[in-house]
Protein backbone atom coordinates (compact mmCIF):
# COMPACT_ATOMS: atom_id res chain seq x y z
CA MET A 1 46.50 -112.17 -19.07
CA ARG A 2 46.26 -108.85 -17.20
CA ILE A 3 49.58 -106.98 -17.32
CA GLY A 4 50.22 -104.00 -15.08
CA LEU A 5 52.99 -101.43 -15.28
CA TYR A 6 54.30 -99.77 -12.12
CA PRO A 7 56.58 -96.97 -13.37
CA GLY A 8 59.07 -94.88 -11.45
CA THR A 9 62.69 -93.85 -11.21
CA PHE A 10 63.25 -95.95 -8.05
CA ASP A 11 66.40 -94.04 -7.09
CA PRO A 12 66.54 -95.80 -4.71
CA ILE A 13 63.66 -98.18 -4.19
CA HIS A 14 62.33 -97.77 -0.65
CA ASN A 15 59.85 -99.51 1.63
CA GLY A 16 56.95 -97.46 0.27
CA HIS A 17 57.71 -98.65 -3.27
CA MET A 18 57.95 -102.25 -2.07
CA ASP A 19 54.60 -101.96 -0.30
CA ILE A 20 52.95 -100.77 -3.53
CA ILE A 21 54.72 -103.48 -5.56
CA GLN A 22 53.59 -106.24 -3.20
CA ARG A 23 50.01 -104.98 -3.24
CA ALA A 24 49.99 -104.42 -7.02
CA ALA A 25 51.25 -107.97 -7.55
CA LYS A 26 47.93 -109.22 -6.16
CA LEU A 27 45.98 -107.34 -8.85
CA VAL A 28 47.62 -108.51 -12.08
CA ASP A 29 48.93 -111.67 -13.71
CA ARG A 30 52.22 -110.00 -14.61
CA LEU A 31 53.66 -106.89 -12.98
CA VAL A 32 56.21 -104.93 -14.96
CA ILE A 33 58.31 -102.56 -12.91
CA GLY A 34 59.13 -99.75 -15.33
CA VAL A 35 62.43 -98.10 -14.46
CA ALA A 36 62.30 -94.66 -15.99
CA ILE A 37 65.20 -92.53 -17.10
CA ASN A 38 64.60 -89.05 -15.70
CA PRO A 39 67.82 -86.99 -15.71
CA GLY A 40 65.91 -84.09 -14.15
CA LYS A 41 65.72 -86.00 -10.90
CA GLY A 42 69.52 -86.26 -10.60
CA PRO A 43 69.86 -90.03 -10.21
CA MET A 44 72.34 -91.40 -7.70
CA PHE A 45 72.24 -94.88 -9.21
CA THR A 46 72.68 -95.68 -12.89
CA LEU A 47 69.81 -97.20 -14.81
CA GLU A 48 71.57 -100.57 -14.75
CA GLU A 49 72.12 -100.35 -10.97
CA ARG A 50 68.48 -99.43 -10.33
CA ALA A 51 67.26 -102.31 -12.49
CA ALA A 52 69.57 -104.77 -10.69
CA ILE A 53 68.44 -103.51 -7.29
CA LEU A 54 64.79 -103.87 -8.31
CA GLU A 55 65.37 -107.40 -9.58
CA HIS A 56 67.00 -108.31 -6.27
CA GLU A 57 64.30 -106.66 -4.15
CA THR A 58 61.39 -108.20 -6.06
CA SER A 59 62.85 -111.69 -6.48
CA LYS A 60 60.88 -113.13 -3.56
CA ILE A 61 57.45 -111.98 -4.76
CA THR A 62 55.40 -115.07 -5.57
CA GLU A 63 51.87 -113.67 -6.13
CA THR A 64 52.59 -112.99 -9.78
CA GLU A 65 55.36 -112.79 -12.34
CA VAL A 66 57.44 -109.64 -11.79
CA VAL A 67 59.60 -108.25 -14.59
CA VAL A 68 61.90 -105.23 -14.49
CA HIS A 69 61.85 -103.14 -17.67
CA ALA A 70 63.92 -100.00 -18.27
CA TYR A 71 62.44 -97.40 -20.58
CA THR A 72 62.80 -93.89 -21.93
CA GLY A 73 60.06 -91.62 -23.14
CA LEU A 74 56.43 -91.60 -22.18
CA THR A 75 55.14 -94.03 -19.57
CA LEU A 76 52.19 -94.65 -21.87
CA GLY A 77 54.64 -95.79 -24.55
CA ALA A 78 56.25 -98.17 -22.08
CA ALA A 79 52.80 -99.53 -21.16
CA ARG A 80 52.07 -100.21 -24.81
CA GLU A 81 55.52 -101.76 -25.32
CA VAL A 82 55.01 -104.32 -22.53
CA GLY A 83 51.34 -104.94 -23.33
CA ALA A 84 50.02 -103.42 -20.10
CA SER A 85 46.33 -102.67 -19.82
CA VAL A 86 46.77 -100.88 -16.51
CA ILE A 87 49.27 -98.42 -15.06
CA LEU A 88 49.61 -98.71 -11.30
CA ARG A 89 50.56 -95.65 -9.28
CA GLY A 90 51.11 -95.01 -5.59
CA LEU A 91 49.71 -91.94 -3.87
CA ARG A 92 51.17 -90.49 -0.67
CA ALA A 93 49.57 -87.07 -0.30
CA VAL A 94 47.27 -84.52 -1.90
CA GLY A 95 50.18 -83.10 -3.92
CA ASP A 96 50.75 -86.51 -5.51
CA PHE A 97 47.07 -86.70 -6.41
CA GLU A 98 47.12 -83.38 -8.25
CA VAL A 99 50.10 -84.39 -10.41
CA GLU A 100 48.79 -87.92 -11.02
CA PHE A 101 45.31 -86.61 -11.86
CA GLN A 102 46.76 -84.44 -14.64
CA MET A 103 48.95 -87.25 -16.01
CA THR A 104 46.04 -89.68 -15.99
CA ALA A 105 43.79 -87.21 -17.83
CA MET A 106 46.47 -86.70 -20.49
CA ASN A 107 47.08 -90.45 -20.80
CA GLN A 108 43.35 -91.02 -21.32
CA GLN A 109 43.42 -88.54 -24.18
CA LEU A 110 46.30 -90.47 -25.75
CA ASP A 111 45.03 -94.02 -25.15
CA ARG A 112 41.66 -94.82 -23.64
CA ASP A 113 42.42 -98.55 -23.51
CA ILE A 114 45.00 -98.20 -20.74
CA GLU A 115 43.55 -97.56 -17.30
CA THR A 116 45.35 -96.03 -14.33
CA VAL A 117 44.81 -97.50 -10.87
CA PHE A 118 45.95 -95.67 -7.73
CA LEU A 119 47.03 -97.42 -4.56
CA MET A 120 47.20 -95.33 -1.41
CA ALA A 121 50.50 -95.50 0.43
CA ASP A 122 50.48 -97.31 3.72
CA PRO A 123 50.46 -94.61 6.45
CA ARG A 124 53.86 -95.88 7.65
CA HIS A 125 55.38 -94.90 4.30
CA GLN A 126 53.48 -91.73 3.38
CA ALA A 127 56.41 -89.40 4.13
CA VAL A 128 59.06 -91.58 2.48
CA ALA A 129 60.47 -90.27 -0.80
CA SER A 130 63.57 -91.40 -2.68
CA ARG A 131 64.81 -87.81 -2.75
CA LEU A 132 64.72 -87.65 1.05
CA VAL A 133 66.29 -91.08 1.47
CA LYS A 134 69.21 -90.00 -0.74
CA GLU A 135 69.60 -86.75 1.17
CA ILE A 136 69.65 -88.54 4.52
CA ALA A 137 72.25 -91.00 3.21
CA ILE A 138 74.45 -88.25 1.74
CA LEU A 139 74.37 -86.34 5.04
CA GLY A 140 75.34 -89.45 7.02
CA GLY A 141 71.95 -90.17 8.54
CA GLU A 142 70.43 -93.59 9.15
CA VAL A 143 68.28 -94.79 6.24
CA GLY A 144 67.57 -98.23 7.71
CA PRO A 145 63.96 -97.42 8.62
CA PHE A 146 63.16 -96.52 5.00
CA VAL A 147 64.90 -99.16 2.88
CA SER A 148 65.76 -102.85 3.04
CA PRO A 149 69.11 -103.82 4.57
CA TRP A 150 70.41 -104.72 1.10
CA VAL A 151 69.45 -101.33 -0.37
CA ARG A 152 70.94 -99.63 2.71
CA GLU A 153 74.28 -101.27 1.89
CA ARG A 154 74.09 -100.05 -1.73
CA LEU A 155 73.40 -96.51 -0.46
CA LEU A 156 76.33 -96.69 1.95
CA GLU A 157 78.61 -97.79 -0.90
CA LYS A 158 77.45 -94.86 -3.04
CA THR A 159 77.85 -92.26 -0.28
CA ALA A 160 81.12 -93.52 1.24
């Protein structure tokens, strides 16, 4: 069984994340969505809220089994913990590539048995970032084009 890990903070999950998740689900037998704790990113949603939102948003995926798994520490440690042989990452722009290239090189030094696979963001979602979605929501802008209606409602509750 090929297990893939798609890690991120998902604060909040947006349409770009969902596009990568749906495409990644076609590549593995089990897709684990790793919800990372990263206090440096100033999360709007708690870990429990992000996990619940991810479970709701991925519940209709039928290509493969999708599991939400919260973790702390290194992504490589989470990959080992869930038995993943591949880490799946989305790339939006050249800046993403530079950061991901360094992380992948370090991960290969730590564990050569876990591969990293990059999926290019759909052009419609290349500018979408959770940080920007949160900022738009906080400032009273319309986030509907970037998130599902259900996630939009969660954002409105948080920013009301």
